[in-house]
Amino acid sequence: MVMPDGRCRPAGEPDGSRLTDDELLDFCTLLLINGHETTKTLLVNAVLCLSAHPDAPARLRADPGLVPGAIEEVLRFLPPIGGTDRFTTGPARIAGHTIDTGQRVIAMIVSADRDSRVFTEPDRFRPDRAPGEHLSFGHGVHFCLGAHLARHQVAIAVRALLNRMPGPWSVSRIDTARTPVGIDVLDLALATDPAVTE
C-alpha cells in the first residue's frame, strides 16, 4: 500500500497498526491448529469412513473422479470439528430457550450435518452422494480460509492410499480420546488384504 508521501506501508498494516506479540502468537496458533489439526483429522476420518464401508475403496479406485465427492461426504458424515463455540452479543432465543448476552453457545456441526431436512438418509455414509450444504468448514465470515487446501491435501492422500493399499481396508488398531466437541484419534493402524480381489 502506497501512502500519500510515497512510502510503502506493509500489507499487514493497512491502518498503520501492527499486531501485538500476543495477537501474533494467537494468529500463529490458529494457523497451526486450523492448518494442520483439522486436515489431519479429516484424513483420519476419511480412512475410518472408507474402512467401515468395504465396498467404498473399490468404487473410488474404479472411478477416481469420485474422490472429491467422497471427501465432501466424509466432511458431512464425520466432520473434523464436531462443534464450535460462539458468544452471544445480545439476548437470543433458540429452540425455546432464552440465552442472555455474553453466554457461550456451542454449535454442534455434527448435528447440523445430519439434519434430515437437508440430507436424505443423513445417518448413512454414501461416498457417491451429491455434495450438499454441510457446515463442516463453517459458514459466512467464519468459513475456513484453508478449506480448499485441506480438500486438496486429503484428496491427494486418499488417492495415494487407494493406490498403495489394494483390497478392502480395515482398522487393526485405534486409540481415541474424547474432546468437548467430538473424538480425537491419537493412533490408528490401517490394514488391507492385497490377496482379496475387488
N, C-alpha and C. Protein backbone atom coordinates (compact mmCIF):
# COMPACT_ATOMS: atom_id res chain seq x y z
N MET A 1 0.85 -1.17 0.00
CA MET A 1 0.00 0.00 0.00
C MET A 1 0.90 1.24 0.00
N VAL A 2 0.65 2.14 -0.92
CA VAL A 2 1.45 3.36 -1.02
C VAL A 2 0.75 4.47 -0.25
N MET A 3 1.50 5.10 0.65
CA MET A 3 0.96 6.20 1.46
C MET A 3 1.10 7.51 0.68
N PRO A 4 0.41 8.58 1.11
CA PRO A 4 0.46 9.87 0.38
C PRO A 4 1.88 10.40 0.19
N ASP A 5 2.80 10.10 1.12
CA ASP A 5 4.16 10.62 0.98
C ASP A 5 5.04 9.73 0.11
N GLY A 6 4.44 8.70 -0.52
CA GLY A 6 5.19 7.84 -1.43
C GLY A 6 5.81 6.61 -0.78
N ARG A 7 5.84 6.58 0.56
CA ARG A 7 6.40 5.40 1.23
C ARG A 7 5.39 4.26 1.16
N CYS A 8 5.90 3.05 1.22
CA CYS A 8 5.03 1.88 1.21
C CYS A 8 4.77 1.41 2.64
N ARG A 9 3.53 1.11 2.90
CA ARG A 9 3.15 0.55 4.20
C ARG A 9 3.01 -0.95 4.00
N PRO A 10 3.55 -1.75 4.92
CA PRO A 10 3.40 -3.21 4.80
C PRO A 10 1.95 -3.61 4.69
N ALA A 11 1.67 -4.62 3.86
CA ALA A 11 0.29 -5.06 3.62
C ALA A 11 -0.38 -5.51 4.91
N GLY A 12 0.40 -5.98 5.88
CA GLY A 12 -0.16 -6.42 7.14
C GLY A 12 -0.51 -5.29 8.08
N GLU A 13 -0.30 -4.05 7.65
CA GLU A 13 -0.58 -2.88 8.49
C GLU A 13 -1.42 -1.87 7.71
N PRO A 14 -2.59 -2.26 7.18
CA PRO A 14 -3.36 -1.35 6.32
C PRO A 14 -3.79 -0.07 7.01
N ASP A 15 -4.03 -0.12 8.32
CA ASP A 15 -4.46 1.09 9.01
C ASP A 15 -3.33 1.69 9.85
N GLY A 16 -2.11 1.22 9.64
CA GLY A 16 -0.96 1.73 10.36
C GLY A 16 -0.69 1.05 11.68
N SER A 17 -1.57 0.17 12.11
CA SER A 17 -1.36 -0.53 13.38
C SER A 17 -0.75 -1.90 13.11
N ARG A 18 -0.08 -2.43 14.12
CA ARG A 18 0.55 -3.75 14.00
C ARG A 18 -0.07 -4.68 15.02
N LEU A 19 0.03 -5.97 14.74
CA LEU A 19 -0.42 -6.96 15.71
C LEU A 19 0.50 -6.92 16.92
N THR A 20 -0.08 -7.05 18.10
CA THR A 20 0.74 -7.17 19.30
C THR A 20 1.39 -8.55 19.30
N ASP A 21 2.36 -8.76 20.16
CA ASP A 21 3.00 -10.07 20.25
C ASP A 21 1.98 -11.15 20.58
N ASP A 22 1.06 -10.85 21.50
CA ASP A 22 0.02 -11.83 21.87
C ASP A 22 -0.91 -12.12 20.69
N GLU A 23 -1.29 -11.09 19.93
CA GLU A 23 -2.15 -11.30 18.76
C GLU A 23 -1.43 -12.13 17.70
N LEU A 24 -0.15 -11.86 17.50
CA LEU A 24 0.63 -12.62 16.53
C LEU A 24 0.74 -14.08 16.94
N LEU A 25 0.98 -14.33 18.23
CA LEU A 25 1.06 -15.69 18.74
C LEU A 25 -0.29 -16.40 18.58
N ASP A 26 -1.39 -15.70 18.90
CA ASP A 26 -2.73 -16.28 18.73
C ASP A 26 -2.99 -16.62 17.27
N PHE A 27 -2.57 -15.74 16.36
CA PHE A 27 -2.78 -15.98 14.93
C PHE A 27 -1.98 -17.20 14.47
N CYS A 28 -0.73 -17.30 14.91
CA CYS A 28 0.10 -18.46 14.55
C CYS A 28 -0.49 -19.75 15.10
N THR A 29 -1.02 -19.69 16.32
CA THR A 29 -1.67 -20.87 16.91
C THR A 29 -2.89 -21.26 16.09
N LEU A 30 -3.67 -20.26 15.67
CA LEU A 30 -4.83 -20.52 14.84
C LEU A 30 -4.43 -21.19 13.53
N LEU A 31 -3.37 -20.69 12.89
CA LEU A 31 -2.90 -21.29 11.64
C LEU A 31 -2.44 -22.73 11.85
N LEU A 32 -1.74 -22.98 12.95
CA LEU A 32 -1.25 -24.33 13.23
C LEU A 32 -2.41 -25.29 13.45
N ILE A 33 -3.37 -24.88 14.28
CA ILE A 33 -4.49 -25.77 14.58
C ILE A 33 -5.37 -25.97 13.35
N ASN A 34 -5.77 -24.88 12.72
CA ASN A 34 -6.68 -25.00 11.58
C ASN A 34 -5.98 -25.47 10.32
N GLY A 35 -4.69 -25.23 10.20
CA GLY A 35 -3.97 -25.65 9.01
C GLY A 35 -3.40 -27.05 9.10
N HIS A 36 -3.38 -27.62 10.29
CA HIS A 36 -2.80 -28.96 10.45
C HIS A 36 -3.80 -29.92 11.09
N GLU A 37 -4.29 -29.55 12.26
CA GLU A 37 -5.13 -30.47 13.03
C GLU A 37 -6.38 -30.88 12.27
N THR A 38 -7.08 -29.91 11.69
CA THR A 38 -8.33 -30.26 11.01
C THR A 38 -8.06 -31.08 9.75
N THR A 39 -6.98 -30.79 9.04
CA THR A 39 -6.65 -31.58 7.84
C THR A 39 -6.26 -33.00 8.23
N LYS A 40 -5.46 -33.12 9.29
CA LYS A 40 -5.08 -34.44 9.79
C LYS A 40 -6.31 -35.23 10.21
N THR A 41 -7.21 -34.57 10.92
CA THR A 41 -8.42 -35.26 11.38
C THR A 41 -9.33 -35.62 10.22
N LEU A 42 -9.42 -34.76 9.21
CA LEU A 42 -10.22 -35.08 8.02
C LEU A 42 -9.67 -36.32 7.33
N LEU A 43 -8.35 -36.43 7.21
CA LEU A 43 -7.76 -37.61 6.58
C LEU A 43 -8.05 -38.86 7.41
N VAL A 44 -7.88 -38.77 8.73
CA VAL A 44 -8.17 -39.92 9.60
C VAL A 44 -9.64 -40.31 9.46
N ASN A 45 -10.53 -39.31 9.44
CA ASN A 45 -11.96 -39.61 9.31
C ASN A 45 -12.29 -40.24 7.96
N ALA A 46 -11.57 -39.84 6.91
CA ALA A 46 -11.77 -40.47 5.60
C ALA A 46 -11.38 -41.94 5.68
N VAL A 47 -10.26 -42.24 6.33
CA VAL A 47 -9.83 -43.63 6.50
C VAL A 47 -10.87 -44.42 7.29
N LEU A 48 -11.40 -43.82 8.37
CA LEU A 48 -12.41 -44.51 9.18
C LEU A 48 -13.67 -44.78 8.38
N CYS A 49 -14.15 -43.80 7.61
CA CYS A 49 -15.36 -43.98 6.83
C CYS A 49 -15.17 -45.03 5.73
N LEU A 50 -14.05 -44.96 5.03
CA LEU A 50 -13.80 -45.92 3.95
C LEU A 50 -13.55 -47.33 4.48
N SER A 51 -12.97 -47.43 5.66
CA SER A 51 -12.75 -48.74 6.28
C SER A 51 -14.07 -49.36 6.73
N ALA A 52 -14.98 -48.54 7.20
CA ALA A 52 -16.26 -49.04 7.69
C ALA A 52 -17.21 -49.43 6.56
N HIS A 53 -16.86 -49.07 5.34
CA HIS A 53 -17.69 -49.38 4.18
C HIS A 53 -16.80 -50.08 3.14
N PRO A 54 -16.66 -51.40 3.28
CA PRO A 54 -15.68 -52.16 2.49
C PRO A 54 -15.77 -51.99 0.98
N ASP A 55 -16.96 -51.67 0.46
CA ASP A 55 -17.07 -51.50 -1.00
C ASP A 55 -16.58 -50.13 -1.46
N ALA A 56 -16.44 -49.18 -0.54
CA ALA A 56 -16.10 -47.81 -0.92
C ALA A 56 -14.71 -47.68 -1.54
N PRO A 57 -13.64 -48.26 -0.95
CA PRO A 57 -12.33 -48.12 -1.60
C PRO A 57 -12.32 -48.65 -3.03
N ALA A 58 -12.99 -49.78 -3.28
CA ALA A 58 -13.03 -50.35 -4.63
C ALA A 58 -13.74 -49.40 -5.60
N ARG A 59 -14.82 -48.78 -5.15
CA ARG A 59 -15.56 -47.86 -6.01
C ARG A 59 -14.70 -46.64 -6.36
N LEU A 60 -13.93 -46.16 -5.37
CA LEU A 60 -13.09 -44.99 -5.62
C LEU A 60 -11.90 -45.34 -6.51
N ARG A 61 -11.39 -46.56 -6.36
CA ARG A 61 -10.30 -46.99 -7.26
C ARG A 61 -10.81 -47.11 -8.70
N ALA A 62 -12.02 -47.63 -8.83
CA ALA A 62 -12.59 -47.81 -10.17
C ALA A 62 -12.91 -46.46 -10.83
N ASP A 63 -13.25 -45.47 -10.02
CA ASP A 63 -13.59 -44.16 -10.55
C ASP A 63 -12.98 -43.08 -9.65
N PRO A 64 -11.68 -42.75 -9.87
CA PRO A 64 -11.01 -41.75 -9.03
C PRO A 64 -11.69 -40.38 -9.03
N GLY A 65 -12.52 -40.12 -10.01
CA GLY A 65 -13.26 -38.87 -10.06
C GLY A 65 -14.25 -38.72 -8.91
N LEU A 66 -14.56 -39.85 -8.23
CA LEU A 66 -15.48 -39.81 -7.09
C LEU A 66 -14.80 -39.34 -5.80
N VAL A 67 -13.47 -39.28 -5.80
CA VAL A 67 -12.74 -38.95 -4.56
C VAL A 67 -13.16 -37.60 -3.98
N PRO A 68 -13.20 -36.51 -4.75
CA PRO A 68 -13.61 -35.23 -4.15
C PRO A 68 -15.00 -35.28 -3.51
N GLY A 69 -15.95 -35.94 -4.17
CA GLY A 69 -17.30 -36.07 -3.60
C GLY A 69 -17.30 -36.91 -2.35
N ALA A 70 -16.46 -37.97 -2.34
CA ALA A 70 -16.36 -38.82 -1.15
C ALA A 70 -15.80 -38.02 0.03
N ILE A 71 -14.87 -37.13 -0.25
CA ILE A 71 -14.31 -36.29 0.82
C ILE A 71 -15.38 -35.34 1.36
N GLU A 72 -16.22 -34.80 0.47
CA GLU A 72 -17.33 -33.96 0.94
C GLU A 72 -18.27 -34.77 1.83
N GLU A 73 -18.49 -36.03 1.48
CA GLU A 73 -19.36 -36.87 2.29
C GLU A 73 -18.72 -37.19 3.64
N VAL A 74 -17.41 -37.37 3.67
CA VAL A 74 -16.70 -37.55 4.94
C VAL A 74 -16.87 -36.29 5.79
N LEU A 75 -16.70 -35.13 5.17
CA LEU A 75 -16.87 -33.87 5.89
C LEU A 75 -18.26 -33.78 6.50
N ARG A 76 -19.27 -34.20 5.77
CA ARG A 76 -20.64 -34.16 6.27
C ARG A 76 -20.88 -35.22 7.34
N PHE A 77 -20.47 -36.43 7.06
CA PHE A 77 -20.79 -37.58 7.92
C PHE A 77 -19.96 -37.61 9.20
N LEU A 78 -18.69 -37.26 9.11
CA LEU A 78 -17.79 -37.30 10.26
C LEU A 78 -16.85 -36.09 10.19
N PRO A 79 -17.37 -34.91 10.50
CA PRO A 79 -16.58 -33.68 10.33
C PRO A 79 -15.35 -33.65 11.23
N PRO A 80 -14.28 -32.97 10.79
CA PRO A 80 -13.06 -32.91 11.60
C PRO A 80 -13.23 -32.11 12.88
N ILE A 81 -14.18 -31.21 12.91
CA ILE A 81 -14.51 -30.45 14.12
C ILE A 81 -15.97 -30.74 14.43
N GLY A 82 -16.23 -31.32 15.59
CA GLY A 82 -17.61 -31.69 15.94
C GLY A 82 -18.50 -30.50 16.24
N GLY A 83 -17.89 -29.41 16.70
CA GLY A 83 -18.66 -28.22 17.05
C GLY A 83 -17.76 -27.01 17.17
N THR A 84 -18.38 -25.88 17.37
CA THR A 84 -17.63 -24.64 17.54
C THR A 84 -18.38 -23.76 18.53
N ASP A 85 -17.65 -22.92 19.22
CA ASP A 85 -18.33 -22.08 20.20
C ASP A 85 -18.37 -20.63 19.75
N ARG A 86 -19.40 -19.96 20.22
CA ARG A 86 -19.60 -18.54 19.97
C ARG A 86 -20.14 -17.93 21.26
N PHE A 87 -20.08 -16.60 21.35
CA PHE A 87 -20.64 -15.88 22.49
C PHE A 87 -21.74 -14.96 21.99
N THR A 88 -22.85 -14.97 22.67
CA THR A 88 -23.98 -14.14 22.24
C THR A 88 -23.66 -12.66 22.44
N THR A 89 -24.03 -11.85 21.47
CA THR A 89 -23.80 -10.41 21.57
C THR A 89 -25.06 -9.67 22.05
N GLY A 90 -26.12 -10.41 22.18
CA GLY A 90 -27.38 -9.86 22.68
C GLY A 90 -28.26 -11.01 23.12
N PRO A 91 -29.37 -10.72 23.78
CA PRO A 91 -30.27 -11.80 24.19
C PRO A 91 -30.75 -12.57 22.97
N ALA A 92 -30.87 -13.87 23.12
CA ALA A 92 -31.30 -14.71 22.00
C ALA A 92 -32.24 -15.79 22.50
N ARG A 93 -33.04 -16.31 21.59
CA ARG A 93 -33.93 -17.41 21.92
C ARG A 93 -33.70 -18.51 20.89
N ILE A 94 -33.30 -19.67 21.37
CA ILE A 94 -33.01 -20.80 20.48
C ILE A 94 -33.78 -22.01 20.97
N ALA A 95 -34.60 -22.58 20.11
CA ALA A 95 -35.37 -23.79 20.42
C ALA A 95 -36.12 -23.66 21.75
N GLY A 96 -36.71 -22.48 21.97
CA GLY A 96 -37.50 -22.28 23.17
C GLY A 96 -36.71 -21.92 24.42
N HIS A 97 -35.40 -21.78 24.30
CA HIS A 97 -34.55 -21.45 25.44
C HIS A 97 -34.03 -20.02 25.29
N THR A 98 -34.09 -19.26 26.38
CA THR A 98 -33.57 -17.90 26.37
C THR A 98 -32.11 -17.92 26.76
N ILE A 99 -31.31 -17.21 25.98
CA ILE A 99 -29.87 -17.13 26.24
C ILE A 99 -29.52 -15.66 26.42
N ASP A 100 -28.89 -15.36 27.55
CA ASP A 100 -28.53 -13.97 27.86
C ASP A 100 -27.32 -13.52 27.06
N THR A 101 -27.11 -12.22 27.04
CA THR A 101 -25.94 -11.63 26.39
C THR A 101 -24.65 -12.16 27.04
N GLY A 102 -23.65 -12.44 26.20
CA GLY A 102 -22.34 -12.87 26.71
C GLY A 102 -22.24 -14.32 27.07
N GLN A 103 -23.26 -15.11 26.75
CA GLN A 103 -23.23 -16.53 27.08
C GLN A 103 -22.53 -17.32 25.98
N ARG A 104 -21.80 -18.34 26.39
CA ARG A 104 -21.12 -19.22 25.44
C ARG A 104 -22.12 -20.23 24.92
N VAL A 105 -22.15 -20.38 23.60
CA VAL A 105 -23.03 -21.34 22.94
C VAL A 105 -22.17 -22.25 22.08
N ILE A 106 -22.36 -23.55 22.20
CA ILE A 106 -21.63 -24.49 21.35
C ILE A 106 -22.57 -24.98 20.26
N ALA A 107 -22.22 -24.69 19.03
CA ALA A 107 -22.99 -25.15 17.88
C ALA A 107 -22.39 -26.48 17.43
N MET A 108 -23.19 -27.53 17.47
CA MET A 108 -22.70 -28.86 17.11
C MET A 108 -22.83 -29.08 15.60
N ILE A 109 -21.72 -28.93 14.91
CA ILE A 109 -21.67 -29.10 13.45
C ILE A 109 -22.11 -30.49 13.06
N VAL A 110 -21.68 -31.47 13.85
CA VAL A 110 -22.02 -32.86 13.53
C VAL A 110 -23.53 -33.06 13.51
N SER A 111 -24.27 -32.35 14.35
CA SER A 111 -25.74 -32.45 14.34
C SER A 111 -26.33 -31.75 13.12
N ALA A 112 -25.82 -30.57 12.81
CA ALA A 112 -26.33 -29.83 11.65
C ALA A 112 -26.11 -30.62 10.37
N ASP A 113 -24.97 -31.31 10.28
CA ASP A 113 -24.65 -32.08 9.07
C ASP A 113 -25.43 -33.39 8.97
N ARG A 114 -26.22 -33.71 9.99
CA ARG A 114 -27.09 -34.90 9.95
C ARG A 114 -28.56 -34.50 9.94
N ASP A 115 -28.85 -33.27 9.57
CA ASP A 115 -30.22 -32.76 9.57
C ASP A 115 -31.01 -33.43 8.44
N SER A 116 -32.05 -34.16 8.81
CA SER A 116 -32.85 -34.89 7.81
C SER A 116 -33.66 -33.94 6.92
N ARG A 117 -33.80 -32.68 7.32
CA ARG A 117 -34.49 -31.71 6.46
C ARG A 117 -33.60 -31.26 5.32
N VAL A 118 -32.30 -31.51 5.45
CA VAL A 118 -31.34 -31.08 4.43
C VAL A 118 -30.78 -32.27 3.66
N PHE A 119 -30.55 -33.38 4.35
CA PHE A 119 -29.89 -34.54 3.74
C PHE A 119 -30.78 -35.78 3.78
N THR A 120 -30.92 -36.43 2.64
CA THR A 120 -31.62 -37.71 2.58
C THR A 120 -30.74 -38.77 3.23
N GLU A 121 -31.35 -39.65 4.02
CA GLU A 121 -30.61 -40.69 4.74
C GLU A 121 -29.38 -40.09 5.43
N PRO A 122 -29.57 -39.14 6.32
CA PRO A 122 -28.43 -38.42 6.91
C PRO A 122 -27.48 -39.28 7.74
N ASP A 123 -27.96 -40.40 8.26
CA ASP A 123 -27.10 -41.25 9.09
C ASP A 123 -26.40 -42.34 8.29
N ARG A 124 -26.48 -42.25 6.99
CA ARG A 124 -25.82 -43.23 6.13
C ARG A 124 -24.69 -42.57 5.37
N PHE A 125 -23.50 -43.21 5.40
CA PHE A 125 -22.35 -42.72 4.64
C PHE A 125 -22.49 -43.17 3.20
N ARG A 126 -22.57 -42.22 2.28
CA ARG A 126 -22.70 -42.53 0.86
C ARG A 126 -21.63 -41.75 0.09
N PRO A 127 -20.51 -42.43 -0.26
CA PRO A 127 -19.41 -41.71 -0.93
C PRO A 127 -19.78 -41.11 -2.28
N ASP A 128 -20.90 -41.57 -2.87
CA ASP A 128 -21.31 -41.02 -4.16
C ASP A 128 -22.43 -39.98 -4.01
N ARG A 129 -22.70 -39.56 -2.77
CA ARG A 129 -23.74 -38.56 -2.53
C ARG A 129 -23.38 -37.25 -3.24
N ALA A 130 -24.36 -36.61 -3.84
CA ALA A 130 -24.11 -35.30 -4.44
C ALA A 130 -23.76 -34.33 -3.31
N PRO A 131 -22.68 -33.56 -3.47
CA PRO A 131 -22.28 -32.64 -2.39
C PRO A 131 -23.43 -31.74 -1.96
N GLY A 132 -23.64 -31.69 -0.65
CA GLY A 132 -24.71 -30.86 -0.10
C GLY A 132 -24.13 -29.65 0.61
N GLU A 133 -24.95 -28.99 1.36
CA GLU A 133 -24.54 -27.77 2.04
C GLU A 133 -24.13 -28.08 3.47
N HIS A 134 -23.12 -28.93 3.65
CA HIS A 134 -22.67 -29.22 5.01
C HIS A 134 -21.97 -27.99 5.58
N LEU A 135 -21.84 -27.98 6.91
CA LEU A 135 -21.26 -26.82 7.60
C LEU A 135 -19.90 -27.13 8.21
N SER A 136 -19.25 -28.17 7.74
CA SER A 136 -18.01 -28.63 8.37
C SER A 136 -16.86 -27.65 8.26
N PHE A 137 -16.89 -26.77 7.29
CA PHE A 137 -15.87 -25.73 7.19
C PHE A 137 -16.42 -24.37 7.63
N GLY A 138 -17.54 -24.37 8.32
CA GLY A 138 -18.12 -23.12 8.79
C GLY A 138 -19.02 -22.49 7.74
N HIS A 139 -19.33 -21.22 7.96
CA HIS A 139 -20.25 -20.52 7.07
C HIS A 139 -20.02 -19.02 7.19
N GLY A 140 -20.27 -18.31 6.12
CA GLY A 140 -20.18 -16.85 6.14
C GLY A 140 -18.80 -16.36 6.51
N VAL A 141 -18.73 -15.36 7.41
CA VAL A 141 -17.44 -14.80 7.79
C VAL A 141 -16.59 -15.80 8.56
N HIS A 142 -17.21 -16.87 9.04
CA HIS A 142 -16.47 -17.89 9.78
C HIS A 142 -16.06 -19.07 8.89
N PHE A 143 -16.21 -18.94 7.57
CA PHE A 143 -15.83 -20.03 6.68
C PHE A 143 -14.31 -20.22 6.72
N CYS A 144 -13.89 -21.45 6.77
CA CYS A 144 -12.47 -21.79 6.89
C CYS A 144 -11.67 -21.29 5.69
N LEU A 145 -10.63 -20.49 5.96
CA LEU A 145 -9.80 -19.96 4.89
C LEU A 145 -9.02 -21.07 4.17
N GLY A 146 -8.72 -22.15 4.88
CA GLY A 146 -7.93 -23.23 4.31
C GLY A 146 -8.75 -24.39 3.76
N ALA A 147 -10.06 -24.19 3.58
CA ALA A 147 -10.93 -25.29 3.16
C ALA A 147 -10.48 -25.92 1.85
N HIS A 148 -10.14 -25.10 0.87
CA HIS A 148 -9.76 -25.65 -0.44
C HIS A 148 -8.44 -26.42 -0.35
N LEU A 149 -7.51 -25.88 0.42
CA LEU A 149 -6.23 -26.56 0.59
C LEU A 149 -6.42 -27.89 1.32
N ALA A 150 -7.23 -27.90 2.36
CA ALA A 150 -7.48 -29.14 3.11
C ALA A 150 -8.11 -30.19 2.21
N ARG A 151 -9.09 -29.79 1.41
CA ARG A 151 -9.73 -30.74 0.49
C ARG A 151 -8.69 -31.32 -0.48
N HIS A 152 -7.86 -30.45 -1.01
CA HIS A 152 -6.87 -30.87 -2.00
C HIS A 152 -5.84 -31.82 -1.36
N GLN A 153 -5.34 -31.47 -0.18
CA GLN A 153 -4.36 -32.32 0.50
C GLN A 153 -4.94 -33.70 0.81
N VAL A 154 -6.15 -33.73 1.32
CA VAL A 154 -6.76 -35.01 1.68
C VAL A 154 -7.06 -35.84 0.43
N ALA A 155 -7.47 -35.20 -0.67
CA ALA A 155 -7.70 -35.93 -1.91
C ALA A 155 -6.42 -36.60 -2.40
N ILE A 156 -5.30 -35.89 -2.32
CA ILE A 156 -4.01 -36.46 -2.72
C ILE A 156 -3.67 -37.66 -1.84
N ALA A 157 -3.85 -37.50 -0.53
CA ALA A 157 -3.52 -38.58 0.41
C ALA A 157 -4.42 -39.79 0.20
N VAL A 158 -5.72 -39.57 0.01
CA VAL A 158 -6.66 -40.69 -0.19
C VAL A 158 -6.31 -41.44 -1.47
N ARG A 159 -6.03 -40.70 -2.55
CA ARG A 159 -5.66 -41.37 -3.81
C ARG A 159 -4.38 -42.20 -3.63
N ALA A 160 -3.41 -41.67 -2.88
CA ALA A 160 -2.16 -42.41 -2.63
C ALA A 160 -2.45 -43.67 -1.83
N LEU A 161 -3.30 -43.58 -0.82
CA LEU A 161 -3.65 -44.76 -0.02
C LEU A 161 -4.39 -45.79 -0.86
N LEU A 162 -5.30 -45.34 -1.70
CA LEU A 162 -6.03 -46.27 -2.56
C LEU A 162 -5.09 -47.02 -3.49
N ASN A 163 -4.07 -46.33 -4.00
CA ASN A 163 -3.10 -46.97 -4.90
C ASN A 163 -2.15 -47.91 -4.17
N ARG A 164 -1.75 -47.54 -2.95
CA ARG A 164 -0.76 -48.33 -2.22
C ARG A 164 -1.35 -49.46 -1.40
N MET A 165 -2.66 -49.38 -1.12
CA MET A 165 -3.29 -50.40 -0.27
C MET A 165 -4.47 -51.02 -1.00
N PRO A 166 -4.19 -52.04 -1.82
CA PRO A 166 -5.27 -52.69 -2.57
C PRO A 166 -6.16 -53.50 -1.63
N GLY A 167 -7.32 -53.84 -2.13
CA GLY A 167 -8.25 -54.63 -1.33
C GLY A 167 -9.02 -53.77 -0.36
N PRO A 168 -9.96 -54.38 0.35
CA PRO A 168 -10.72 -53.64 1.36
C PRO A 168 -9.83 -53.23 2.52
N TRP A 169 -10.17 -52.15 3.18
CA TRP A 169 -9.40 -51.66 4.31
C TRP A 169 -10.04 -52.10 5.62
N SER A 170 -9.20 -52.23 6.64
CA SER A 170 -9.72 -52.45 7.99
C SER A 170 -8.79 -51.75 8.98
N VAL A 171 -9.37 -51.27 10.05
CA VAL A 171 -8.59 -50.61 11.10
C VAL A 171 -8.19 -51.69 12.09
N SER A 172 -6.87 -51.94 12.19
CA SER A 172 -6.39 -53.02 13.06
C SER A 172 -6.06 -52.52 14.46
N ARG A 173 -5.89 -51.20 14.61
CA ARG A 173 -5.60 -50.64 15.94
C ARG A 173 -6.05 -49.18 15.94
N ILE A 174 -6.71 -48.78 17.03
CA ILE A 174 -7.13 -47.39 17.14
C ILE A 174 -7.14 -46.99 18.61
N ASP A 175 -6.68 -45.78 18.87
CA ASP A 175 -6.67 -45.22 20.22
C ASP A 175 -7.29 -43.83 20.12
N THR A 176 -8.31 -43.57 20.91
CA THR A 176 -9.03 -42.31 20.83
C THR A 176 -9.13 -41.62 22.18
N ALA A 177 -9.46 -40.35 22.13
CA ALA A 177 -9.74 -39.57 23.34
C ALA A 177 -10.93 -38.67 23.05
N ARG A 178 -11.81 -38.54 24.02
CA ARG A 178 -12.98 -37.69 23.85
C ARG A 178 -12.60 -36.23 24.11
N THR A 179 -13.13 -35.34 23.28
CA THR A 179 -12.92 -33.91 23.45
C THR A 179 -14.28 -33.26 23.67
N PRO A 180 -14.33 -31.97 24.01
CA PRO A 180 -15.64 -31.32 24.21
C PRO A 180 -16.53 -31.34 22.97
N VAL A 181 -15.95 -31.47 21.79
CA VAL A 181 -16.76 -31.43 20.57
C VAL A 181 -16.63 -32.68 19.72
N GLY A 182 -16.14 -33.76 20.26
CA GLY A 182 -16.05 -34.98 19.47
C GLY A 182 -15.01 -35.94 20.00
N ILE A 183 -14.44 -36.70 19.09
CA ILE A 183 -13.44 -37.70 19.43
C ILE A 183 -12.18 -37.43 18.64
N ASP A 184 -11.04 -37.46 19.30
CA ASP A 184 -9.75 -37.26 18.65
C ASP A 184 -9.06 -38.62 18.53
N VAL A 185 -8.63 -38.96 17.33
CA VAL A 185 -7.91 -40.21 17.11
C VAL A 185 -6.43 -39.96 17.38
N LEU A 186 -5.89 -40.67 18.37
CA LEU A 186 -4.49 -40.50 18.77
C LEU A 186 -3.57 -41.44 18.01
N ASP A 187 -4.08 -42.62 17.65
CA ASP A 187 -3.26 -43.62 16.97
C ASP A 187 -4.18 -44.51 16.16
N LEU A 188 -3.75 -44.85 14.94
CA LEU A 188 -4.56 -45.69 14.08
C LEU A 188 -3.65 -46.50 13.16
N ALA A 189 -3.95 -47.79 13.03
CA ALA A 189 -3.22 -48.64 12.09
C ALA A 189 -4.22 -49.16 11.06
N LEU A 190 -3.89 -48.95 9.80
CA LEU A 190 -4.76 -49.37 8.70
C LEU A 190 -4.19 -50.63 8.08
N ALA A 191 -5.03 -51.64 7.90
CA ALA A 191 -4.59 -52.91 7.30
C ALA A 191 -5.41 -53.19 6.05
N THR A 192 -4.84 -54.00 5.20
CA THR A 192 -5.55 -54.42 3.99
C THR A 192 -5.09 -55.82 3.61
N ASP A 193 -5.90 -56.50 2.89
CA ASP A 193 -5.54 -57.84 2.42
C ASP A 193 -5.41 -57.77 0.90
N PRO A 194 -4.15 -57.62 0.42
CA PRO A 194 -3.97 -57.47 -1.03
C PRO A 194 -4.39 -58.71 -1.81
N ALA A 195 -4.56 -59.85 -1.12
CA ALA A 195 -4.98 -61.07 -1.81
C ALA A 195 -6.46 -61.03 -2.16
N VAL A 196 -7.20 -60.16 -1.49
CA VAL A 196 -8.64 -60.07 -1.74
C VAL A 196 -8.86 -59.30 -3.04
N THR A 197 -9.56 -59.88 -3.95
CA THR A 197 -9.86 -59.19 -5.21
C THR A 197 -11.15 -58.40 -5.05
N GLU A 198 -11.20 -57.30 -5.71
CA GLU A 198 -12.38 -56.43 -5.58
C GLU A 198 -13.27 -56.55 -6.80
